[in-house]
Structure formats: structure tokens, C-alpha cells
PDB file of N, CA and C in Angstrom:
ATOM      1  N   GLN A   1     145.288 106.691  63.461  1.00  0.00           N
ATOM      2  CA  GLN A   1     144.049 105.998  63.796  1.00  0.00           C
ATOM      3  C   GLN A   1     144.354 104.819  64.700  1.00  0.00           C
ATOM      4  N   VAL A   2     143.427 104.564  65.597  1.00  0.00           N
ATOM      5  CA  VAL A   2     143.563 103.448  66.536  1.00  0.00           C
ATOM      6  C   VAL A   2     142.367 102.526  66.374  1.00  0.00           C
ATOM      7  N   GLN A   3     142.644 101.243  66.250  1.00  0.00           N
ATOM      8  CA  GLN A   3     141.582 100.253  66.120  1.00  0.00           C
ATOM      9  C   GLN A   3     141.538  99.400  67.377  1.00  0.00           C
ATOM     10  N   LEU A   4     140.324  99.079  67.776  1.00  0.00           N
ATOM     11  CA  LEU A   4     140.112  98.209  68.933  1.00  0.00           C
ATOM     12  C   LEU A   4     139.349  96.974  68.480  1.00  0.00           C
ATOM     13  N   VAL A   5     139.865  95.816  68.836  1.00  0.00           N
ATOM     14  CA  VAL A   5     139.206  94.557  68.488  1.00  0.00           C
ATOM     15  C   VAL A   5     138.836  93.841  69.770  1.00  0.00           C
ATOM     16  N   GLU A   6     137.542  93.637  69.949  1.00  0.00           N
ATOM     17  CA  GLU A   6     137.025  92.987  71.149  1.00  0.00           C
ATOM     18  C   GLU A   6     136.710  91.530  70.872  1.00  0.00           C
ATOM     19  N   SER A   7     136.781  90.722  71.908  1.00  0.00           N
ATOM     20  CA  SER A   7     136.404  89.318  71.791  1.00  0.00           C
ATOM     21  C   SER A   7     135.998  88.802  73.161  1.00  0.00           C
ATOM     22  N   GLY A   8     135.310  87.667  73.160  1.00  0.00           N
ATOM     23  CA  GLY A   8     134.995  86.988  74.407  1.00  0.00           C
ATOM     24  C   GLY A   8     133.556  87.032  74.846  1.00  0.00           C
ATOM     25  N   GLY A   9     132.704  87.771  74.145  1.00  0.00           N
ATOM     26  CA  GLY A   9     131.314  87.806  74.533  1.00  0.00           C
ATOM     27  C   GLY A   9     130.601  86.505  74.198  1.00  0.00           C
ATOM     28  N   GLY A  10     129.349  86.404  74.631  1.00  0.00           N
ATOM     29  CA  GLY A  10     128.585  85.203  74.333  1.00  0.00           C
ATOM     30  C   GLY A  10     127.436  85.000  75.293  1.00  0.00           C
ATOM     31  N   LEU A  11     126.914  83.793  75.266  1.00  0.00           N
ATOM     32  CA  LEU A  11     125.785  83.397  76.115  1.00  0.00           C
ATOM     33  C   LEU A  11     126.317  82.560  77.274  1.00  0.00           C
ATOM     34  N   VAL A  12     125.890  82.900  78.480  1.00  0.00           N
ATOM     35  CA  VAL A  12     126.336  82.169  79.659  1.00  0.00           C
ATOM     36  C   VAL A  12     125.179  82.071  80.637  1.00  0.00           C
ATOM     37  N   GLN A  13     125.160  81.017  81.411  1.00  0.00           N
ATOM     38  CA  GLN A  13     124.114  80.849  82.417  1.00  0.00           C
ATOM     39  C   GLN A  13     124.394  81.711  83.641  1.00  0.00           C
ATOM     40  N   PRO A  14     123.366  82.065  84.371  1.00  0.00           N
ATOM     41  CA  PRO A  14     123.577  82.812  85.617  1.00  0.00           C
ATOM     42  C   PRO A  14     124.550  82.074  86.533  1.00  0.00           C
ATOM     43  N   GLY A  15     125.464  82.854  87.113  1.00  0.00           N
ATOM     44  CA  GLY A  15     126.503  82.269  87.954  1.00  0.00           C
ATOM     45  C   GLY A  15     127.759  81.907  87.204  1.00  0.00           C
ATOM     46  N   GLY A  16     127.705  81.961  85.899  1.00  0.00           N
ATOM     47  CA  GLY A  16     128.854  81.608  85.074  1.00  0.00           C
ATOM     48  C   GLY A  16     129.850  82.737  84.925  1.00  0.00           C
ATOM     49  N   SER A  17     130.863  82.479  84.109  1.00  0.00           N
ATOM     50  CA  SER A  17     131.946  83.443  83.908  1.00  0.00           C
ATOM     51  C   SER A  17     132.224  83.645  82.428  1.00  0.00           C
ATOM     52  N   LEU A  18     132.720  84.816  82.127  1.00  0.00           N
ATOM     53  CA  LEU A  18     133.213  85.149  80.787  1.00  0.00           C
ATOM     54  C   LEU A  18     134.416  86.055  80.940  1.00  0.00           C
ATOM     55  N   ARG A  19     135.286  86.017  79.945  1.00  0.00           N
ATOM     56  CA  ARG A  19     136.430  86.928  79.927  1.00  0.00           C
ATOM     57  C   ARG A  19     136.436  87.668  78.606  1.00  0.00           C
ATOM     58  N   LEU A  20     136.350  89.003  78.698  1.00  0.00           N
ATOM     59  CA  LEU A  20     136.418  89.852  77.514  1.00  0.00           C
ATOM     60  C   LEU A  20     137.844  90.338  77.314  1.00  0.00           C
ATOM     61  N   SER A  21     138.206  90.467  76.033  1.00  0.00           N
ATOM     62  CA  SER A  21     139.517  91.009  75.680  1.00  0.00           C
ATOM     63  C   SER A  21     139.338  92.131  74.675  1.00  0.00           C
ATOM     64  N   CYS A  22     140.244  93.087  74.715  1.00  0.00           N
ATOM     65  CA  CYS A  22     140.216  94.193  73.760  1.00  0.00           C
ATOM     66  C   CYS A  22     141.656  94.569  73.439  1.00  0.00           C
ATOM     67  N   ALA A  23     142.025  94.406  72.178  1.00  0.00           N
ATOM     68  CA  ALA A  23     143.383  94.711  71.743  1.00  0.00           C
ATOM     69  C   ALA A  23     143.388  95.983  70.905  1.00  0.00           C
ATOM     70  N   ALA A  24     144.266  96.898  71.255  1.00  0.00           N
ATOM     71  CA  ALA A  24     144.405  98.156  70.529  1.00  0.00           C
ATOM     72  C   ALA A  24     145.599  98.085  69.591  1.00  0.00           C
ATOM     73  N   SER A  25     145.418  98.660  68.403  1.00  0.00           N
ATOM     74  CA  SER A  25     146.508  98.692  67.438  1.00  0.00           C
ATOM     75  C   SER A  25     146.420  99.968  66.622  1.00  0.00           C
ATOM     76  N   GLY A  26     147.531 100.299  65.965  1.00  0.00           N
ATOM     77  CA  GLY A  26     147.553 101.501  65.140  1.00  0.00           C
ATOM     78  C   GLY A  26     148.574 102.492  65.657  1.00  0.00           C
ATOM     79  N   ARG A  27     148.259 103.767  65.466  1.00  0.00           N
ATOM     80  CA  ARG A  27     149.179 104.839  65.836  1.00  0.00           C
ATOM     81  C   ARG A  27     149.080 105.112  67.334  1.00  0.00           C
ATOM     82  N   ILE A  28     149.861 104.358  68.089  1.00  0.00           N
ATOM     83  CA  ILE A  28     149.836 104.454  69.539  1.00  0.00           C
ATOM     84  C   ILE A  28     151.244 104.688  70.055  1.00  0.00           C
ATOM     85  N   LEU A  29     151.415 105.760  70.814  1.00  0.00           N
ATOM     86  CA  LEU A  29     152.669 105.989  71.505  1.00  0.00           C
ATOM     87  C   LEU A  29     152.527 105.580  72.965  1.00  0.00           C
ATOM     88  N   SER A  30     151.403 105.963  73.534  1.00  0.00           N
ATOM     89  CA  SER A  30     151.131 105.567  74.915  1.00  0.00           C
ATOM     90  C   SER A  30     149.627 105.466  75.106  1.00  0.00           C
ATOM     91  N   ILE A  31     149.243 104.583  76.007  1.00  0.00           N
ATOM     92  CA  ILE A  31     147.834 104.439  76.369  1.00  0.00           C
ATOM     93  C   ILE A  31     147.657 104.834  77.817  1.00  0.00           C
ATOM     94  N   ASP A  32     146.711 105.699  78.081  1.00  0.00           N
ATOM     95  CA  ASP A  32     146.439 106.132  79.456  1.00  0.00           C
ATOM     96  C   ASP A  32     145.403 105.208  80.091  1.00  0.00           C
ATOM     97  N   THR A  33     144.152 105.545  79.954  1.00  0.00           N
ATOM     98  CA  THR A  33     143.098 104.758  80.586  1.00  0.00           C
ATOM     99  C   THR A  33     142.476 103.785  79.593  1.00  0.00           C
ATOM    100  N   MET A  34     142.244 102.562  80.064  1.00  0.00           N
ATOM    101  CA  MET A  34     141.525 101.546  79.296  1.00  0.00           C
ATOM    102  C   MET A  34     140.307 101.150  80.126  1.00  0.00           C
ATOM    103  N   GLY A  35     139.184 100.971  79.453  1.00  0.00           N
ATOM    104  CA  GLY A  35     137.989 100.670  80.217  1.00  0.00           C
ATOM    105  C   GLY A  35     136.952  99.884  79.447  1.00  0.00           C
ATOM    106  N   TRP A  36     135.975  99.431  80.186  1.00  0.00           N
ATOM    107  CA  TRP A  36     134.830  98.719  79.618  1.00  0.00           C
ATOM    108  C   TRP A  36     133.545  99.434  80.031  1.00  0.00           C
ATOM    109  N   TYR A  37     132.667  99.623  79.065  1.00  0.00           N
ATOM    110  CA  TYR A  37     131.349 100.203  79.281  1.00  0.00           C
ATOM    111  C   TYR A  37     130.315  99.193  78.791  1.00  0.00           C
ATOM    112  N   ARG A  38     129.077  99.379  79.193  1.00  0.00           N
ATOM    113  CA  ARG A  38     128.017  98.526  78.672  1.00  0.00           C
ATOM    114  C   ARG A  38     126.760  99.341  78.449  1.00  0.00           C
ATOM    115  N   GLN A  39     125.937  98.816  77.547  1.00  0.00           N
ATOM    116  CA  GLN A  39     124.718  99.524  77.170  1.00  0.00           C
ATOM    117  C   GLN A  39     123.626  98.520  76.870  1.00  0.00           C
ATOM    118  N   THR A  40     122.430  98.825  77.365  1.00  0.00           N
ATOM    119  CA  THR A  40     121.234  98.044  77.054  1.00  0.00           C
ATOM    120  C   THR A  40     120.274  98.933  76.273  1.00  0.00           C
ATOM    121  N   PRO A  41     119.364  98.347  75.506  1.00  0.00           N
ATOM    122  CA  PRO A  41     118.455  99.136  74.676  1.00  0.00           C
ATOM    123  C   PRO A  41     117.693 100.175  75.495  1.00  0.00           C
ATOM    124  N   GLY A  42     117.701 101.404  75.012  1.00  0.00           N
ATOM    125  CA  GLY A  42     116.969 102.485  75.651  1.00  0.00           C
ATOM    126  C   GLY A  42     117.692 103.143  76.809  1.00  0.00           C
ATOM    127  N   ASN A  43     118.896 102.667  77.093  1.00  0.00           N
ATOM    128  CA  ASN A  43     119.653 103.217  78.215  1.00  0.00           C
ATOM    129  C   ASN A  43     120.986 103.801  77.754  1.00  0.00           C
ATOM    130  N   GLN A  44     121.538 104.663  78.601  1.00  0.00           N
ATOM    131  CA  GLN A  44     122.828 105.254  78.284  1.00  0.00           C
ATOM    132  C   GLN A  44     123.947 104.247  78.533  1.00  0.00           C
ATOM    133  N   ARG A  45     125.028 104.463  77.837  1.00  0.00           N
ATOM    134  CA  ARG A  45     126.208 103.637  78.068  1.00  0.00           C
ATOM    135  C   ARG A  45     126.755 103.973  79.451  1.00  0.00           C
ATOM    136  N   GLU A  46     127.089 102.944  80.207  1.00  0.00           N
ATOM    137  CA  GLU A  46     127.579 103.166  81.566  1.00  0.00           C
ATOM    138  C   GLU A  46     128.949 102.511  81.760  1.00  0.00           C
ATOM    139  N   LEU A  47     129.743 103.128  82.623  1.00  0.00           N
ATOM    140  CA  LEU A  47     131.059 102.583  82.933  1.00  0.00           C
ATOM    141  C   LEU A  47     130.905 101.306  83.761  1.00  0.00           C
ATOM    142  N   VAL A  48     131.629 100.282  83.349  1.00  0.00           N
ATOM    143  CA  VAL A  48     131.692  99.045  84.107  1.00  0.00           C
ATOM    144  C   VAL A  48     132.970  99.017  84.949  1.00  0.00           C
ATOM    145  N   ALA A  49     134.095  99.260  84.290  1.00  0.00           N
ATOM    146  CA  ALA A  49     135.387  99.242  84.983  1.00  0.00           C
ATOM    147  C   ALA A  49     136.411  99.949  84.118  1.00  0.00           C
ATOM    148  N   CYS A  50     137.420 100.523  84.779  1.00  0.00           N
ATOM    149  CA  CYS A  50     138.506 101.140  84.037  1.00  0.00           C
ATOM    150  C   CYS A  50     139.807 100.963  84.812  1.00  0.00           C
ATOM    151  N   ILE A  51     140.907 101.107  84.083  1.00  0.00           N
ATOM    152  CA  ILE A  51     142.228 100.939  84.684  1.00  0.00           C
ATOM    153  C   ILE A  51     143.181 101.939  84.048  1.00  0.00           C
ATOM    154  N   THR A  52     143.944 102.612  84.885  1.00  0.00           N
ATOM    155  CA  THR A  52     144.894 103.599  84.394  1.00  0.00           C
ATOM    156  C   THR A  52     146.209 102.932  84.013  1.00  0.00           C
ATOM    157  N   SER A  53     147.090 103.718  83.434  1.00  0.00           N
ATOM    158  CA  SER A  53     148.401 103.189  83.056  1.00  0.00           C
ATOM    159  C   SER A  53     149.199 102.760  84.284  1.00  0.00           C
ATOM    160  N   GLY A  54     148.895 103.341  85.422  1.00  0.00           N
ATOM    161  CA  GLY A  54     149.580 102.983  86.655  1.00  0.00           C
ATOM    162  C   GLY A  54     148.954 101.809  87.385  1.00  0.00           C
ATOM    163  N   GLY A  55     147.837 101.313  86.850  1.00  0.00           N
ATOM    164  CA  GLY A  55     147.199 100.158  87.449  1.00  0.00           C
ATOM    165  C   GLY A  55     146.061 100.463  88.412  1.00  0.00           C
ATOM    166  N   THR A  56     145.730 101.729  88.563  1.00  0.00           N
ATOM    167  CA  THR A  56     144.597 102.085  89.426  1.00  0.00           C
ATOM    168  C   THR A  56     143.298 101.689  88.742  1.00  0.00           C
ATOM    169  N   THR A  57     142.420 101.025  89.490  1.00  0.00           N
ATOM    170  CA  THR A  57     141.170 100.545  88.920  1.00  0.00           C
ATOM    171  C   THR A  57     139.961 101.220  89.570  1.00  0.00           C
ATOM    172  N   ASP A  58     138.868 101.210  88.825  1.00  0.00           N
ATOM    173  CA  ASP A  58     137.603 101.724  89.329  1.00  0.00           C
ATOM    174  C   ASP A  58     136.502 100.850  88.769  1.00  0.00           C
ATOM    175  N   TYR A  59     135.484 100.582  89.593  1.00  0.00           N
ATOM    176  CA  TYR A  59     134.405  99.702  89.183  1.00  0.00           C
ATOM    177  C   TYR A  59     133.047 100.322  89.490  1.00  0.00           C
ATOM    178  N   ALA A  60     132.060  99.983  88.680  1.00  0.00           N
ATOM    179  CA  ALA A  60     130.687 100.308  89.019  1.00  0.00           C
ATOM    180  C   ALA A  60     130.311  99.509  90.257  1.00  0.00           C
ATOM    181  N   ASP A  61     129.494 100.093  91.101  1.00  0.00           N
ATOM    182  CA  ASP A  61     129.101  99.404  92.339  1.00  0.00           C
ATOM    183  C   ASP A  61     128.458  98.051  92.047  1.00  0.00           C
ATOM    184  N   SER A  62     127.731  97.973  90.948  1.00  0.00           N
ATOM    185  CA  SER A  62     126.979  96.761  90.632  1.00  0.00           C
ATOM    186  C   SER A  62     127.870  95.568  90.285  1.00  0.00           C
ATOM    187  N   VAL A  63     129.149  95.815  89.991  1.00  0.00           N
ATOM    188  CA  VAL A  63     130.026  94.710  89.591  1.00  0.00           C
ATOM    189  C   VAL A  63     131.180  94.487  90.565  1.00  0.00           C
ATOM    190  N   LYS A  64     131.305  95.331  91.564  1.00  0.00           N
ATOM    191  CA  LYS A  64     132.405  95.182  92.526  1.00  0.00           C
ATOM    192  C   LYS A  64     132.352  93.807  93.189  1.00  0.00           C
ATOM    193  N   GLY A  65     133.517  93.189  93.258  1.00  0.00           N
ATOM    194  CA  GLY A  65     133.600  91.861  93.859  1.00  0.00           C
ATOM    195  C   GLY A  65     133.311  90.731  92.892  1.00  0.00           C
ATOM    196  N   ARG A  66     132.793  91.047  91.706  1.00  0.00           N
ATOM    197  CA  ARG A  66     132.475  90.008  90.715  1.00  0.00           C
ATOM    198  C   ARG A  66     133.326  90.138  89.454  1.00  0.00           C
ATOM    199  N   PHE A  67     133.633  91.368  89.068  1.00  0.00           N
ATOM    200  CA  PHE A  67     134.392  91.623  87.850  1.00  0.00           C
ATOM    201  C   PHE A  67     135.797  92.094  88.210  1.00  0.00           C
ATOM    202  N   ALA A  68     136.753  91.791  87.347  1.00  0.00           N
ATOM    203  CA  ALA A  68     138.126  92.254  87.536  1.00  0.00           C
ATOM    204  C   ALA A  68     138.692  92.716  86.201  1.00  0.00           C
ATOM    205  N   ILE A  69     139.214  93.935  86.191  1.00  0.00           N
ATOM    206  CA  ILE A  69     139.825  94.466  84.984  1.00  0.00           C
ATOM    207  C   ILE A  69     141.338  94.394  85.118  1.00  0.00           C
ATOM    208  N   SER A  70     142.004  94.102  84.009  1.00  0.00           N
ATOM    209  CA  SER A  70     143.455  94.053  84.005  1.00  0.00           C
ATOM    210  C   SER A  70     143.934  94.467  82.617  1.00  0.00           C
ATOM    211  N   ARG A  71     145.229  94.735  82.504  1.00  0.00           N
ATOM    212  CA  ARG A  71     145.772  95.135  81.213  1.00  0.00           C
ATOM    213  C   ARG A  71     147.169  94.576  81.032  1.00  0.00           C
ATOM    214  N   ASP A  72     147.514  94.356  79.777  1.00  0.00           N
ATOM    215  CA  ASP A  72     148.853  93.934  79.393  1.00  0.00           C
ATOM    216  C   ASP A  72     149.414  95.049  78.525  1.00  0.00           C
ATOM    217  N   ASN A  73     150.257  95.873  79.104  1.00  0.00           N
ATOM    218  CA  ASN A  73     150.759  97.043  78.383  1.00  0.00           C
ATOM    219  C   ASN A  73     151.627  96.655  77.184  1.00  0.00           C
ATOM    220  N   ALA A  74     152.311  95.551  77.261  1.00  0.00           N
ATOM    221  CA  ALA A  74     153.149  95.113  76.151  1.00  0.00           C
ATOM    222  C   ALA A  74     152.311  94.741  74.931  1.00  0.00           C
ATOM    223  N   LYS A  75     151.080  94.317  75.185  1.00  0.00           N
ATOM    224  CA  LYS A  75     150.187  93.902  74.098  1.00  0.00           C
ATOM    225  C   LYS A  75     149.098  94.927  73.813  1.00  0.00           C
ATOM    226  N   ASN A  76     149.116  96.043  74.534  1.00  0.00           N
ATOM    227  CA  ASN A  76     148.054  97.064  74.387  1.00  0.00           C
ATOM    228  C   ASN A  76     146.673  96.428  74.498  1.00  0.00           C
ATOM    229  N   THR A  77     146.515  95.571  75.462  1.00  0.00           N
ATOM    230  CA  THR A  77     145.286  94.805  75.606  1.00  0.00           C
ATOM    231  C   THR A  77     144.717  94.968  77.016  1.00  0.00           C
ATOM    232  N   VAL A  78     143.399  95.072  77.062  1.00  0.00           N
ATOM    233  CA  VAL A  78     142.697  95.147  78.335  1.00  0.00           C
ATOM    234  C   VAL A  78     141.737  93.969  78.420  1.00  0.00           C
ATOM    235  N   TYR A  79     141.584  93.448  79.624  1.00  0.00           N
ATOM    236  CA  TYR A  79     140.732  92.300  79.862  1.00  0.00           C
ATOM    237  C   TYR A  79     139.672  92.640  80.906  1.00  0.00           C
ATOM    238  N   LEU A  80     138.561  91.936  80.822  1.00  0.00           N
ATOM    239  CA  LEU A  80     137.529  92.041  81.846  1.00  0.00           C
ATOM    240  C   LEU A  80     137.094  90.621  82.202  1.00  0.00           C
ATOM    241  N   GLN A  81     137.480  90.183  83.381  1.00  0.00           N
ATOM    242  CA  GLN A  81     137.057  88.887  83.888  1.00  0.00           C
ATOM    243  C   GLN A  81     135.746  89.078  84.628  1.00  0.00           C
ATOM    244  N   MET A  82     134.712  88.407  84.155  1.00  0.00           N
ATOM    245  CA  MET A  82     133.376  88.565  84.731  1.00  0.00           C
ATOM    246  C   MET A  82     132.955  87.238  85.359  1.00  0.00           C
ATOM    247  N   ASN A  83     132.779  87.262  86.666  1.00  0.00           N
ATOM    248  CA  ASN A  83     132.367  86.076  87.405  1.00  0.00           C
ATOM    249  C   ASN A  83     131.001  86.297  88.044  1.00  0.00           C
ATOM    250  N   SER A  84     130.381  85.216  88.463  1.00  0.00           N
ATOM    251  CA  SER A  84     129.070  85.287  89.127  1.00  0.00           C
ATOM    252  C   SER A  84     128.108  86.156  88.334  1.00  0.00           C
ATOM    253  N   LEU A  85     128.038  85.911  87.054  1.00  0.00           N
ATOM    254  CA  LEU A  85     127.224  86.744  86.171  1.00  0.00           C
ATOM    255  C   LEU A  85     125.751  86.620  86.497  1.00  0.00           C
ATOM    256  N   LYS A  86     125.054  87.746  86.338  1.00  0.00           N
ATOM    257  CA  LYS A  86     123.627  87.835  86.623  1.00  0.00           C
ATOM    258  C   LYS A  86     122.891  88.230  85.342  1.00  0.00           C
ATOM    259  N   PRO A  87     121.606  87.929  85.259  1.00  0.00           N
ATOM    260  CA  PRO A  87     120.847  88.351  84.061  1.00  0.00           C
ATOM    261  C   PRO A  87     120.930  89.850  83.813  1.00  0.00           C
ATOM    262  N   GLU A  88     121.026  90.634  84.863  1.00  0.00           N
ATOM    263  CA  GLU A  88     121.100  92.094  84.684  1.00  0.00           C
ATOM    264  C   GLU A  88     122.439  92.558  84.129  1.00  0.00           C
ATOM    265  N   ASP A  89     123.409  91.660  84.009  1.00  0.00           N
ATOM    266  CA  ASP A  89     124.668  91.994  83.343  1.00  0.00           C
ATOM    267  C   ASP A  89     124.544  91.890  81.822  1.00  0.00           C
ATOM    268  N   THR A  90     123.424  91.396  81.344  1.00  0.00           N
ATOM    269  CA  THR A  90     123.212  91.292  79.899  1.00  0.00           C
ATOM    270  C   THR A  90     123.252  92.671  79.257  1.00  0.00           C
ATOM    271  N   ALA A  91     124.106  92.825  78.262  1.00  0.00           N
ATOM    272  CA  ALA A  91     124.294  94.116  77.598  1.00  0.00           C
ATOM    273  C   ALA A  91     125.296  93.947  76.465  1.00  0.00           C
ATOM    274  N   VAL A  92     125.444  95.005  75.689  1.00  0.00           N
ATOM    275  CA  VAL A  92     126.564  95.086  74.753  1.00  0.00           C
ATOM    276  C   VAL A  92     127.707  95.776  75.501  1.00  0.00           C
ATOM    277  N   TYR A  93     128.847  95.154  75.507  1.00  0.00           N
ATOM    278  CA  TYR A  93     130.010  95.676  76.219  1.00  0.00           C
ATOM    279  C   TYR A  93     130.967  96.307  75.213  1.00  0.00           C
ATOM    280  N   TYR A  94     131.391  97.533  75.536  1.00  0.00           N
ATOM    281  CA  TYR A  94     132.274  98.299  74.664  1.00  0.00           C
ATOM    282  C   TYR A  94     133.594  98.584  75.367  1.00  0.00           C
ATOM    283  N   CYS A  95     134.656  98.404  74.638  1.00  0.00           N
ATOM    284  CA  CYS A  95     135.982  98.768  75.114  1.00  0.00           C
ATOM    285  C   CYS A  95     136.250 100.237  74.775  1.00  0.00           C
ATOM    286  N   HIS A  96     136.929 100.932  75.653  1.00  0.00           N
ATOM    287  CA  HIS A  96     137.310 102.328  75.407  1.00  0.00           C
ATOM    288  C   HIS A  96     138.766 102.523  75.822  1.00  0.00           C
ATOM    289  N   VAL A  97     139.497 103.228  74.974  1.00  0.00           N
ATOM    290  CA  VAL A  97     140.911 103.480  75.232  1.00  0.00           C
ATOM    291  C   VAL A  97     141.220 104.935  74.899  1.00  0.00           C
ATOM    292  N   ASP A  98     142.011 105.578  75.751  1.00  0.00           N
ATOM    293  CA  ASP A  98     142.512 106.899  75.384  1.00  0.00           C
ATOM    294  C   ASP A  98     144.027 106.941  75.604  1.00  0.00           C
ATOM    295  N   GLY A  99     144.667 107.767  74.800  1.00  0.00           N
ATOM    296  CA  GLY A  99     146.120 107.843  74.860  1.00  0.00           C
ATOM    297  C   GLY A  99     146.639 108.884  73.907  1.00  0.00           C
ATOM    298  N   SER A 100     147.868 108.683  73.453  1.00  0.00           N
ATOM    299  CA  SER A 100     148.469 109.689  72.585  1.00  0.00           C
ATOM    300  C   SER A 100     149.356 109.045  71.525  1.00  0.00           C
ATOM    301  N   TRP A 101     149.484 109.793  70.444  1.00  0.00           N
ATOM    302  CA  TRP A 101     150.422 109.488  69.354  1.00  0.00           C
ATOM    303  C   TRP A 101     151.215 110.758  69.158  1.00  0.00           C
ATOM    304  N   TYR A 102     152.373 110.816  69.804  1.00  0.00           N
ATOM    305  CA  TYR A 102     153.181 112.020  69.845  1.00  0.00           C
ATOM    306  C   TYR A 102     152.342 113.172  70.396  1.00  0.00           C
ATOM    307  N   PHE A 103     152.065 114.212  69.626  1.00  0.00           N
ATOM    308  CA  PHE A 103     151.333 115.350  70.178  1.00  0.00           C
ATOM    309  C   PHE A 103     149.828 115.257  69.962  1.00  0.00           C
ATOM    310  N   ARG A 104     149.382 114.136  69.449  1.00  0.00           N
ATOM    311  CA  ARG A 104     147.952 113.976  69.197  1.00  0.00           C
ATOM    312  C   ARG A 104     147.342 113.022  70.206  1.00  0.00           C
ATOM    313  N   ARG A 105     146.200 113.399  70.725  1.00  0.00           N
ATOM    314  CA  ARG A 105     145.453 112.549  71.626  1.00  0.00           C
ATOM    315  C   ARG A 105     144.466 111.706  70.810  1.00  0.00           C
ATOM    316  N   PHE A 106     144.164 110.541  71.283  1.00  0.00           N
ATOM    317  CA  PHE A 106     143.101 109.746  70.682  1.00  0.00           C
ATOM    318  C   PHE A 106     142.168 109.214  71.762  1.00  0.00           C
ATOM    319  N   ASP A 107     140.986 108.888  71.319  1.00  0.00           N
ATOM    320  CA  ASP A 107     139.891 108.463  72.196  1.00  0.00           C
ATOM    321  C   ASP A 107     139.065 107.501  71.347  1.00  0.00           C
ATOM    322  N   SER A 108     139.229 106.212  71.566  1.00  0.00           N
ATOM    323  CA  SER A 108     138.654 105.225  70.655  1.00  0.00           C
ATOM    324  C   SER A 108     137.720 104.250  71.355  1.00  0.00           C
ATOM    325  N   TRP A 109     136.722 103.800  70.581  1.00  0.00           N
ATOM    326  CA  TRP A 109     135.751 102.807  71.061  1.00  0.00           C
ATOM    327  C   TRP A 109     135.835 101.547  70.218  1.00  0.00           C
ATOM    328  N   GLY A 110     135.594 100.419  70.856  1.00  0.00           N
ATOM    329  CA  GLY A 110     135.460  99.174  70.132  1.00  0.00           C
ATOM    330  C   GLY A 110     134.070  99.055  69.518  1.00  0.00           C
ATOM    331  N   GLN A 111     133.867  97.982  68.749  1.00  0.00           N
ATOM    332  CA  GLN A 111     132.611  97.800  68.036  1.00  0.00           C
ATOM    333  C   GLN A 111     131.516  97.213  68.923  1.00  0.00           C
ATOM    334  N   GLY A 112     131.884  96.734  70.082  1.00  0.00           N
ATOM    335  CA  GLY A 112     130.910  96.166  71.010  1.00  0.00           C
ATOM    336  C   GLY A 112     130.824  94.661  70.889  1.00  0.00           C
ATOM    337  N   THR A 113     130.618  93.998  72.008  1.00  0.00           N
ATOM    338  CA  THR A 113     130.441  92.547  72.030  1.00  0.00           C
ATOM    339  C   THR A 113     129.271  92.218  72.955  1.00  0.00           C
ATOM    340  N   GLN A 114     128.385  91.364  72.476  1.00  0.00           N
ATOM    341  CA  GLN A 114     127.174  91.038  73.225  1.00  0.00           C
ATOM    342  C   GLN A 114     127.478  90.021  74.327  1.00  0.00           C
ATOM    343  N   VAL A 115     126.996  90.336  75.520  1.00  0.00           N
ATOM    344  CA  VAL A 115     127.036  89.397  76.640  1.00  0.00           C
ATOM    345  C   VAL A 115     125.596  89.152  77.059  1.00  0.00           C
ATOM    346  N   THR A 116     125.200  87.888  77.036  1.00  0.00           N
ATOM    347  CA  THR A 116     123.847  87.508  77.424  1.00  0.00           C
ATOM    348  C   THR A 116     123.920  86.492  78.551  1.00  0.00           C
ATOM    349  N   VAL A 117     123.273  86.830  79.654  1.00  0.00           N
ATOM    350  CA  VAL A 117     123.249  85.934  80.818  1.00  0.00           C
ATOM    351  C   VAL A 117     121.816  85.422  80.968  1.00  0.00           C
ATOM    352  N   SER A 118     121.642  84.148  80.681  1.00  0.00           N
ATOM    353  CA  SER A 118     120.295  83.587  80.676  1.00  0.00           C
ATOM    354  C   SER A 118     120.356  82.080  80.845  1.00  0.00           C
ATOM    355  N   SER A 119     119.349  81.539  81.492  1.00  0.00           N
ATOM    356  CA  SER A 119     119.268  80.087  81.627  1.00  0.00           C
ATOM    357  C   SER A 119     118.423  79.501  80.495  1.00  0.00           C
TER     358      SER A 119
END
């Protein structure tokens, strides 16, 4: 089993910044892709950003140039630096990690952290 613990959400004014963290622990041999998704009420969960084990990143068009994803492989942790936040960034943000434990694959989600952008 793999557990993900997220932190860093909260209330911020438009134009402000937040940094989300997600630490993975448990039966992990290797982690492939780490990513952040977000969801608002009545809508599907959408990809915000992801990063592969090799460091290749991908971003939703709506956050390009404002958000930056990074990872610390030694700590099994992924970060999301969010700058120039807008009210439309308000959502619950979920961490997602996939990888392997010997011959078993895992695909895990965090519990979600609320980000609210409001004046």
C-alpha cells in the first residue's frame, strides 16, 4: 500500500502564491509519474501538472507560466509552486502517483487539499 500526504493548501488573495507538497510512503520500489489534479463541484477532475521520473513536465494550458511542478526523488515528494493565482484556480487539489513495488504496480491518490483564491 502507498499513502500520500498532501499539505500547503489554504486561502490566498488573487495574485498570491501557494506551494503544495505531497509525500509518498509505503511499499515503493520506484515512482514513475507524479502529478497534481484539481476538481471543482460538479466538474470532472482535471490534470494540472505532471512530472515523469526523468523530469519531463506537462501542464494544463490554463496554468502554463504560472505554476511549476518539481519532485524530490530521494524524499518521494512532489511539489506544485503556484504563482499569480486567480479565483478560477479555486479547487480541491489532488496528488497522484504511480509506480511499482517489485512486480506490482500501484496508482494512488491523495486525500485532497483545498485551495481558495479570493479577496
